[in-house]
Amino acid sequence: MRKALFPLVLALLTAAAPPALAMQGIMVGARAGTLGIGPEAAIALNDQVTLRGGAGLLGFDMNLTGRFGLADERTAKLTFPKAFYTLGADFQLTSLRVGAGILFKSKDPTYLVTLDSGASIDIGEGKYTEPQVKTLTTTLTSGDRAPYLLLGFGSQSTSGLSITADIGVARLADAELNMVATGDEQLLKSNEFVLNLALEEKETRDDFGSFVNYWPVISVSVRYGLSGAGRVR
């Protein structure tokens, strides 16, 4: 998929392009969504092709304590990367857009479960009680960049104030789920616990299936388009 995206981006940049492209406008604004909250900007090369880039500089965490059937005697926190950056191009199709580009992230998302005093947790085929296991952290590791595809609603090249939206997906390279526990050091180093932790990793990875390789790209943008002039040569 990654190899197929670069020709697509190149095609978006060169579609219907004469030797000199008229730069029709510049868009500045802000976006919020699964890539965090932050600024973005775009340059309309013509009525169909727009270059765009943005940053999600205000990441967010989610407290999942007591949700999704999680026992009350533990807390759970989902932490997203604090910075995402995107660079790509959009191709306008009437009121819809298709886009492609590259997503960059600052770090990997983590899911931290912290056990309260005396709480127990099943790991693999074993059952452990705090303080034997105090925390269990699952990290979705992948490369620091990923190609993305999206479908957009609203034009990136019109002037004035408007709202646009995007929905798509980024393909993570070499994505894996890694688990690390804290607690009684002697227990954590035992062969039985190491095998159970590896089994828990595998079962969790199997539960996610191919979805572990994808990151959703969903955002809403408030933008202001400045009608522009000039030539891009």
C-alpha atoms as a PDB file:
ATOM      1  CA  MET A   1       0.000   0.000   0.000  1.00  0.00           C
ATOM      2  CA  ARG A   2       2.819   2.407   0.844  1.00  0.00           C
ATOM      3  CA  LYS A   3       4.418   1.950  -2.583  1.00  0.00           C
ATOM      4  CA  ALA A   4       1.077   2.561  -4.275  1.00  0.00           C
ATOM      5  CA  LEU A   5       0.517   5.854  -2.452  1.00  0.00           C
ATOM      6  CA  PHE A   6       3.532   7.722  -3.783  1.00  0.00           C
ATOM      7  CA  PRO A   7       2.434   7.478  -7.430  1.00  0.00           C
ATOM      8  CA  LEU A   8      -1.020   8.575  -6.311  1.00  0.00           C
ATOM      9  CA  VAL A   9       0.358  11.651  -4.544  1.00  0.00           C
ATOM     10  CA  LEU A  10       2.453  12.436  -7.593  1.00  0.00           C
ATOM     11  CA  ALA A  11      -0.602  12.090  -9.811  1.00  0.00           C
ATOM     12  CA  LEU A  12      -2.547  14.485  -7.581  1.00  0.00           C
ATOM     13  CA  LEU A  13       0.226  17.044  -7.811  1.00  0.00           C
ATOM     14  CA  THR A  14       0.531  16.870 -11.580  1.00  0.00           C
ATOM     15  CA  ALA A  15      -3.062  16.270 -12.654  1.00  0.00           C
ATOM     16  CA  ALA A  16      -4.088  18.665 -15.411  1.00  0.00           C
ATOM     17  CA  ALA A  17      -0.984  20.722 -14.648  1.00  0.00           C
ATOM     18  CA  PRO A  18       0.324  23.078 -17.348  1.00  0.00           C
ATOM     19  CA  PRO A  19       4.014  24.137 -17.289  1.00  0.00           C
ATOM     20  CA  ALA A  20       3.083  26.901 -14.847  1.00  0.00           C
ATOM     21  CA  LEU A  21       0.310  26.380 -12.279  1.00  0.00           C
ATOM     22  CA  ALA A  22      -1.848  29.264 -11.105  1.00  0.00           C
ATOM     23  CA  MET A  23      -1.882  29.410  -7.329  1.00  0.00           C
ATOM     24  CA  GLN A  24      -5.543  30.184  -6.677  1.00  0.00           C
ATOM     25  CA  GLY A  25      -5.541  30.593  -2.932  1.00  0.00           C
ATOM     26  CA  ILE A  26      -4.153  29.871   0.498  1.00  0.00           C
ATOM     27  CA  MET A  27      -6.138  28.341   3.334  1.00  0.00           C
ATOM     28  CA  VAL A  28      -5.288  28.683   7.043  1.00  0.00           C
ATOM     29  CA  GLY A  29      -7.229  27.170   9.892  1.00  0.00           C
ATOM     30  CA  ALA A  30      -7.385  24.651  12.715  1.00  0.00           C
ATOM     31  CA  ARG A  31      -8.473  21.029  12.960  1.00  0.00           C
ATOM     32  CA  ALA A  32      -9.535  18.623  15.695  1.00  0.00           C
ATOM     33  CA  GLY A  33      -9.947  14.863  15.644  1.00  0.00           C
ATOM     34  CA  THR A  34      -8.082  11.587  16.019  1.00  0.00           C
ATOM     35  CA  LEU A  35      -4.831  13.392  15.145  1.00  0.00           C
ATOM     36  CA  GLY A  36      -5.232  15.854  18.010  1.00  0.00           C
ATOM     37  CA  ILE A  37      -5.883  19.592  17.839  1.00  0.00           C
ATOM     38  CA  GLY A  38      -3.703  22.023  15.928  1.00  0.00           C
ATOM     39  CA  PRO A  39      -3.158  24.277  12.906  1.00  0.00           C
ATOM     40  CA  GLU A  40      -3.246  23.391   9.234  1.00  0.00           C
ATOM     41  CA  ALA A  41      -2.658  25.182   5.953  1.00  0.00           C
ATOM     42  CA  ALA A  42      -3.275  24.460   2.280  1.00  0.00           C
ATOM     43  CA  ILE A  43      -2.318  25.915  -1.082  1.00  0.00           C
ATOM     44  CA  ALA A  44      -4.736  25.506  -3.994  1.00  0.00           C
ATOM     45  CA  LEU A  45      -2.701  25.000  -7.149  1.00  0.00           C
ATOM     46  CA  ASN A  46      -5.838  24.923  -9.312  1.00  0.00           C
ATOM     47  CA  ASP A  47      -9.529  24.021  -9.001  1.00  0.00           C
ATOM     48  CA  GLN A  48      -8.711  20.347  -8.480  1.00  0.00           C
ATOM     49  CA  VAL A  49      -5.343  20.037  -6.732  1.00  0.00           C
ATOM     50  CA  THR A  50      -4.502  21.311  -3.245  1.00  0.00           C
ATOM     51  CA  LEU A  51      -1.313  20.826  -1.256  1.00  0.00           C
ATOM     52  CA  ARG A  52      -1.928  20.651   2.473  1.00  0.00           C
ATOM     53  CA  GLY A  53      -0.105  20.160   5.735  1.00  0.00           C
ATOM     54  CA  GLY A  54      -1.065  20.217   9.389  1.00  0.00           C
ATOM     55  CA  ALA A  55      -0.089  19.397  12.935  1.00  0.00           C
ATOM     56  CA  GLY A  56      -1.898  17.954  15.923  1.00  0.00           C
ATOM     57  CA  LEU A  57       0.030  19.537  18.776  1.00  0.00           C
ATOM     58  CA  LEU A  58      -2.493  19.026  21.567  1.00  0.00           C
ATOM     59  CA  GLY A  59      -2.822  15.304  22.057  1.00  0.00           C
ATOM     60  CA  PHE A  60      -5.299  13.886  24.537  1.00  0.00           C
ATOM     61  CA  ASP A  61      -5.643  11.027  27.001  1.00  0.00           C
ATOM     62  CA  MET A  62      -8.751   8.985  27.804  1.00  0.00           C
ATOM     63  CA  ASN A  63      -9.671   7.675  31.244  1.00  0.00           C
ATOM     64  CA  LEU A  64     -11.330   4.301  30.611  1.00  0.00           C
ATOM     65  CA  THR A  65     -11.784   3.361  34.271  1.00  0.00           C
ATOM     66  CA  GLY A  66     -15.045   1.458  34.770  1.00  0.00           C
ATOM     67  CA  ARG A  67     -15.758   1.295  31.010  1.00  0.00           C
ATOM     68  CA  PHE A  68     -15.930  -1.649  28.621  1.00  0.00           C
ATOM     69  CA  GLY A  69     -16.403  -4.096  31.499  1.00  0.00           C
ATOM     70  CA  LEU A  70     -13.192  -3.117  33.283  1.00  0.00           C
ATOM     71  CA  ALA A  71     -13.302  -4.066  36.976  1.00  0.00           C
ATOM     72  CA  ASP A  72     -13.797  -1.244  39.492  1.00  0.00           C
ATOM     73  CA  GLU A  73     -10.656  -2.037  41.495  1.00  0.00           C
ATOM     74  CA  ARG A  74      -8.329  -0.791  38.772  1.00  0.00           C
ATOM     75  CA  THR A  75      -7.786   2.304  36.666  1.00  0.00           C
ATOM     76  CA  ALA A  76      -7.115   2.443  32.952  1.00  0.00           C
ATOM     77  CA  LYS A  77      -5.647   5.237  30.863  1.00  0.00           C
ATOM     78  CA  LEU A  78      -5.259   5.434  27.094  1.00  0.00           C
ATOM     79  CA  THR A  79      -2.523   7.867  26.054  1.00  0.00           C
ATOM     80  CA  PHE A  80      -2.223   9.118  22.477  1.00  0.00           C
ATOM     81  CA  PRO A  81       0.870  10.657  20.845  1.00  0.00           C
ATOM     82  CA  LYS A  82       1.262  14.316  21.741  1.00  0.00           C
ATOM     83  CA  ALA A  83       2.117  15.365  18.202  1.00  0.00           C
ATOM     84  CA  PHE A  84       0.969  14.283  14.748  1.00  0.00           C
ATOM     85  CA  TYR A  85       2.041  15.895  11.484  1.00  0.00           C
ATOM     86  CA  THR A  86       0.590  15.376   8.009  1.00  0.00           C
ATOM     87  CA  LEU A  87       1.788  16.352   4.565  1.00  0.00           C
ATOM     88  CA  GLY A  88      -0.120  15.489   1.408  1.00  0.00           C
ATOM     89  CA  ALA A  89      -2.359  16.520  -1.449  1.00  0.00           C
ATOM     90  CA  ASP A  90      -6.107  16.524  -2.150  1.00  0.00           C
ATOM     91  CA  PHE A  91      -7.946  16.137  -5.441  1.00  0.00           C
ATOM     92  CA  GLN A  92     -11.382  17.756  -5.641  1.00  0.00           C
ATOM     93  CA  LEU A  93     -14.286  15.711  -7.074  1.00  0.00           C
ATOM     94  CA  THR A  94     -17.388  17.972  -7.104  1.00  0.00           C
ATOM     95  CA  SER A  95     -18.292  18.294  -3.402  1.00  0.00           C
ATOM     96  CA  LEU A  96     -16.004  15.431  -2.325  1.00  0.00           C
ATOM     97  CA  ARG A  97     -12.239  15.181  -2.115  1.00  0.00           C
ATOM     98  CA  VAL A  98      -9.804  12.297  -2.192  1.00  0.00           C
ATOM     99  CA  GLY A  99      -6.439  12.754  -0.566  1.00  0.00           C
ATOM    100  CA  ALA A 100      -3.183  10.966   0.136  1.00  0.00           C
ATOM    101  CA  GLY A 101       0.006  11.742   1.972  1.00  0.00           C
ATOM    102  CA  ILE A 102       2.279  10.883   4.868  1.00  0.00           C
ATOM    103  CA  LEU A 103       1.480  10.907   8.586  1.00  0.00           C
ATOM    104  CA  PHE A 104       4.282  11.494  11.121  1.00  0.00           C
ATOM    105  CA  LYS A 105       3.885  10.772  14.851  1.00  0.00           C
ATOM    106  CA  SER A 106       5.987  11.701  17.859  1.00  0.00           C
ATOM    107  CA  LYS A 107       5.591   8.455  19.833  1.00  0.00           C
ATOM    108  CA  ASP A 108       3.458   5.334  20.196  1.00  0.00           C
ATOM    109  CA  PRO A 109       0.056   5.175  21.937  1.00  0.00           C
ATOM    110  CA  THR A 110      -0.109   3.280  25.256  1.00  0.00           C
ATOM    111  CA  TYR A 111      -2.795   1.670  27.406  1.00  0.00           C
ATOM    112  CA  LEU A 112      -1.949   1.596  31.126  1.00  0.00           C
ATOM    113  CA  VAL A 113      -3.868  -0.501  33.675  1.00  0.00           C
ATOM    114  CA  THR A 114      -3.058   0.214  37.341  1.00  0.00           C
ATOM    115  CA  LEU A 115      -4.298  -2.219  40.005  1.00  0.00           C
ATOM    116  CA  ASP A 116      -5.643  -0.980  43.331  1.00  0.00           C
ATOM    117  CA  SER A 117      -4.540  -2.632  46.577  1.00  0.00           C
ATOM    118  CA  GLY A 118      -5.443  -6.351  46.571  1.00  0.00           C
ATOM    119  CA  ALA A 119      -6.889  -6.310  43.040  1.00  0.00           C
ATOM    120  CA  SER A 120      -6.233  -9.264  40.738  1.00  0.00           C
ATOM    121  CA  ILE A 121      -5.636  -9.557  36.995  1.00  0.00           C
ATOM    122  CA  ASP A 122      -5.583 -12.448  34.530  1.00  0.00           C
ATOM    123  CA  ILE A 123      -2.460 -12.539  32.351  1.00  0.00           C
ATOM    124  CA  GLY A 124      -2.231 -15.438  29.949  1.00  0.00           C
ATOM    125  CA  GLU A 125      -3.127 -18.565  31.900  1.00  0.00           C
ATOM    126  CA  GLY A 126      -2.141 -17.050  35.256  1.00  0.00           C
ATOM    127  CA  LYS A 127      -3.964 -14.930  37.810  1.00  0.00           C
ATOM    128  CA  TYR A 128      -1.967 -12.353  39.762  1.00  0.00           C
ATOM    129  CA  THR A 129      -2.808 -10.145  42.709  1.00  0.00           C
ATOM    130  CA  GLU A 130      -1.448  -6.689  43.534  1.00  0.00           C
ATOM    131  CA  PRO A 131       1.372  -6.197  44.609  1.00  0.00           C
ATOM    132  CA  GLN A 132       2.550  -9.183  42.518  1.00  0.00           C
ATOM    133  CA  VAL A 133       1.511  -7.111  39.504  1.00  0.00           C
ATOM    134  CA  LYS A 134       0.960  -3.386  39.994  1.00  0.00           C
ATOM    135  CA  THR A 135       0.645  -2.116  36.429  1.00  0.00           C
ATOM    136  CA  LEU A 136       0.300  -3.562  32.930  1.00  0.00           C
ATOM    137  CA  THR A 137       1.185  -1.329  29.969  1.00  0.00           C
ATOM    138  CA  THR A 138       0.321  -2.204  26.373  1.00  0.00           C
ATOM    139  CA  THR A 139       2.073  -0.179  23.650  1.00  0.00           C
ATOM    140  CA  LEU A 140       1.124  -0.106  19.974  1.00  0.00           C
ATOM    141  CA  THR A 141       4.556   0.196  18.383  1.00  0.00           C
ATOM    142  CA  SER A 142       5.081   1.092  14.734  1.00  0.00           C
ATOM    143  CA  GLY A 143       7.255   3.265  12.518  1.00  0.00           C
ATOM    144  CA  ASP A 144       7.297   7.017  13.019  1.00  0.00           C
ATOM    145  CA  ARG A 145       5.604   7.636   9.658  1.00  0.00           C
ATOM    146  CA  ALA A 146       2.739   6.076   7.742  1.00  0.00           C
ATOM    147  CA  PRO A 147       0.972   6.656   4.409  1.00  0.00           C
ATOM    148  CA  TYR A 148      -2.671   7.720   4.583  1.00  0.00           C
ATOM    149  CA  LEU A 149      -5.718   7.837   2.319  1.00  0.00           C
ATOM    150  CA  LEU A 150      -8.808   9.930   3.018  1.00  0.00           C
ATOM    151  CA  LEU A 151     -12.165  11.075   1.741  1.00  0.00           C
ATOM    152  CA  GLY A 152     -12.960  14.726   2.381  1.00  0.00           C
ATOM    153  CA  PHE A 153     -16.124  16.806   2.513  1.00  0.00           C
ATOM    154  CA  GLY A 154     -15.968  20.469   1.548  1.00  0.00           C
ATOM    155  CA  SER A 155     -13.578  22.367  -0.694  1.00  0.00           C
ATOM    156  CA  GLN A 156     -10.036  23.343   0.278  1.00  0.00           C
ATOM    157  CA  SER A 157      -9.791  26.045  -2.386  1.00  0.00           C
ATOM    158  CA  THR A 158     -12.781  28.338  -1.796  1.00  0.00           C
ATOM    159  CA  SER A 159     -12.312  31.748  -0.199  1.00  0.00           C
ATOM    160  CA  GLY A 160     -13.842  32.887   3.064  1.00  0.00           C
ATOM    161  CA  LEU A 161     -14.792  30.993   6.223  1.00  0.00           C
ATOM    162  CA  SER A 162     -15.940  27.370   5.941  1.00  0.00           C
ATOM    163  CA  ILE A 163     -15.934  23.992   7.671  1.00  0.00           C
ATOM    164  CA  THR A 164     -14.457  20.837   6.140  1.00  0.00           C
ATOM    165  CA  ALA A 165     -14.250  17.232   7.334  1.00  0.00           C
ATOM    166  CA  ASP A 166     -12.049  14.239   6.574  1.00  0.00           C
ATOM    167  CA  ILE A 167     -12.363  10.520   7.178  1.00  0.00           C
ATOM    168  CA  GLY A 168      -9.697   8.016   6.270  1.00  0.00           C
ATOM    169  CA  VAL A 169      -7.013   5.683   7.526  1.00  0.00           C
ATOM    170  CA  ALA A 170      -3.237   5.513   7.920  1.00  0.00           C
ATOM    171  CA  ARG A 171      -1.411   2.236   7.304  1.00  0.00           C
ATOM    172  CA  LEU A 172       1.037   1.599  10.157  1.00  0.00           C
ATOM    173  CA  ALA A 173       4.304  -0.131   9.276  1.00  0.00           C
ATOM    174  CA  ASP A 174       5.413  -3.165  11.337  1.00  0.00           C
ATOM    175  CA  ALA A 175       2.718  -2.566  13.969  1.00  0.00           C
ATOM    176  CA  GLU A 176       3.015  -4.691  17.102  1.00  0.00           C
ATOM    177  CA  LEU A 177       1.458  -4.844  20.577  1.00  0.00           C
ATOM    178  CA  ASN A 178       4.038  -5.017  23.375  1.00  0.00           C
ATOM    179  CA  MET A 179       3.212  -5.548  27.050  1.00  0.00           C
ATOM    180  CA  VAL A 180       5.294  -4.607  30.088  1.00  0.00           C
ATOM    181  CA  ALA A 181       4.337  -5.243  33.740  1.00  0.00           C
ATOM    182  CA  THR A 182       5.603  -3.792  37.019  1.00  0.00           C
ATOM    183  CA  GLY A 183       5.379  -5.411  40.442  1.00  0.00           C
ATOM    184  CA  ASP A 184       7.325  -8.119  42.252  1.00  0.00           C
ATOM    185  CA  GLU A 185      10.632  -8.287  40.348  1.00  0.00           C
ATOM    186  CA  GLN A 186      11.306 -11.947  41.183  1.00  0.00           C
ATOM    187  CA  LEU A 187       7.873 -12.960  39.921  1.00  0.00           C
ATOM    188  CA  LEU A 188       8.154 -10.855  36.768  1.00  0.00           C
ATOM    189  CA  LYS A 189      11.451 -12.567  35.879  1.00  0.00           C
ATOM    190  CA  SER A 190      10.092 -16.094  36.363  1.00  0.00           C
ATOM    191  CA  ASN A 191       9.669 -18.311  33.305  1.00  0.00           C
ATOM    192  CA  GLU A 192       5.997 -18.880  34.112  1.00  0.00           C
ATOM    193  CA  PHE A 193       5.176 -15.153  34.131  1.00  0.00           C
ATOM    194  CA  VAL A 194       7.257 -14.433  31.013  1.00  0.00           C
ATOM    195  CA  LEU A 195       5.371 -17.161  29.133  1.00  0.00           C
ATOM    196  CA  ASN A 196       1.998 -15.917  30.392  1.00  0.00           C
ATOM    197  CA  LEU A 197       2.821 -12.337  29.389  1.00  0.00           C
ATOM    198  CA  ALA A 198       3.834 -13.519  25.911  1.00  0.00           C
ATOM    199  CA  LEU A 199       0.583 -15.483  25.666  1.00  0.00           C
ATOM    200  CA  GLU A 200      -1.421 -12.415  26.709  1.00  0.00           C
ATOM    201  CA  GLU A 201       0.341 -10.353  24.019  1.00  0.00           C
ATOM    202  CA  LYS A 202      -0.489 -12.960  21.374  1.00  0.00           C
ATOM    203  CA  GLU A 203      -4.139 -13.264  22.408  1.00  0.00           C
ATOM    204  CA  THR A 204      -4.579  -9.487  22.425  1.00  0.00           C
ATOM    205  CA  ARG A 205      -2.888  -9.231  19.018  1.00  0.00           C
ATOM    206  CA  ASP A 206      -5.191 -11.946  17.670  1.00  0.00           C
ATOM    207  CA  ASP A 207      -8.248 -10.098  19.050  1.00  0.00           C
ATOM    208  CA  PHE A 208      -7.280  -6.960  17.124  1.00  0.00           C
ATOM    209  CA  GLY A 209      -6.482  -8.891  13.955  1.00  0.00           C
ATOM    210  CA  SER A 210      -5.563  -6.751  10.959  1.00  0.00           C
ATOM    211  CA  PHE A 211      -7.041  -3.646  12.627  1.00  0.00           C
ATOM    212  CA  VAL A 212      -3.811  -3.225  14.594  1.00  0.00           C
ATOM    213  CA  ASN A 213      -2.171  -2.105  11.343  1.00  0.00           C
ATOM    214  CA  TYR A 214      -4.439   0.908  10.837  1.00  0.00           C
ATOM    215  CA  TRP A 215      -4.910   4.271  12.527  1.00  0.00           C
ATOM    216  CA  PRO A 216      -8.191   6.130  11.925  1.00  0.00           C
ATOM    217  CA  VAL A 217      -7.946   9.624  10.449  1.00  0.00           C
ATOM    218  CA  ILE A 218     -11.071  11.584  11.381  1.00  0.00           C
ATOM    219  CA  SER A 219     -11.057  15.361  11.687  1.00  0.00           C
ATOM    220  CA  VAL A 220     -13.148  18.510  11.406  1.00  0.00           C
ATOM    221  CA  SER A 221     -11.502  21.757  10.303  1.00  0.00           C
ATOM    222  CA  VAL A 222     -12.481  25.396  10.561  1.00  0.00           C
ATOM    223  CA  ARG A 223     -10.691  27.210   7.758  1.00  0.00           C
ATOM    224  CA  TYR A 224     -10.404  30.591   6.125  1.00  0.00           C
ATOM    225  CA  GLY A 225      -9.508  30.752   2.471  1.00  0.00           C
ATOM    226  CA  LEU A 226      -7.575  33.703   1.109  1.00  0.00           C
ATOM    227  CA  SER A 227      -8.032  34.148  -2.630  1.00  0.00           C
ATOM    228  CA  GLY A 228      -4.535  34.353  -4.052  1.00  0.00           C
ATOM    229  CA  ALA A 229      -2.621  35.335  -7.116  1.00  0.00           C
ATOM    230  CA  GLY A 230       0.678  34.463  -8.567  1.00  0.00           C
ATOM    231  CA  ARG A 231       2.286  31.601 -10.393  1.00  0.00           C
ATOM    232  CA  VAL A 232       3.935  28.452  -9.147  1.00  0.00           C
ATOM    233  CA  ARG A 233       6.699  27.537 -11.588  1.00  0.00           C
END
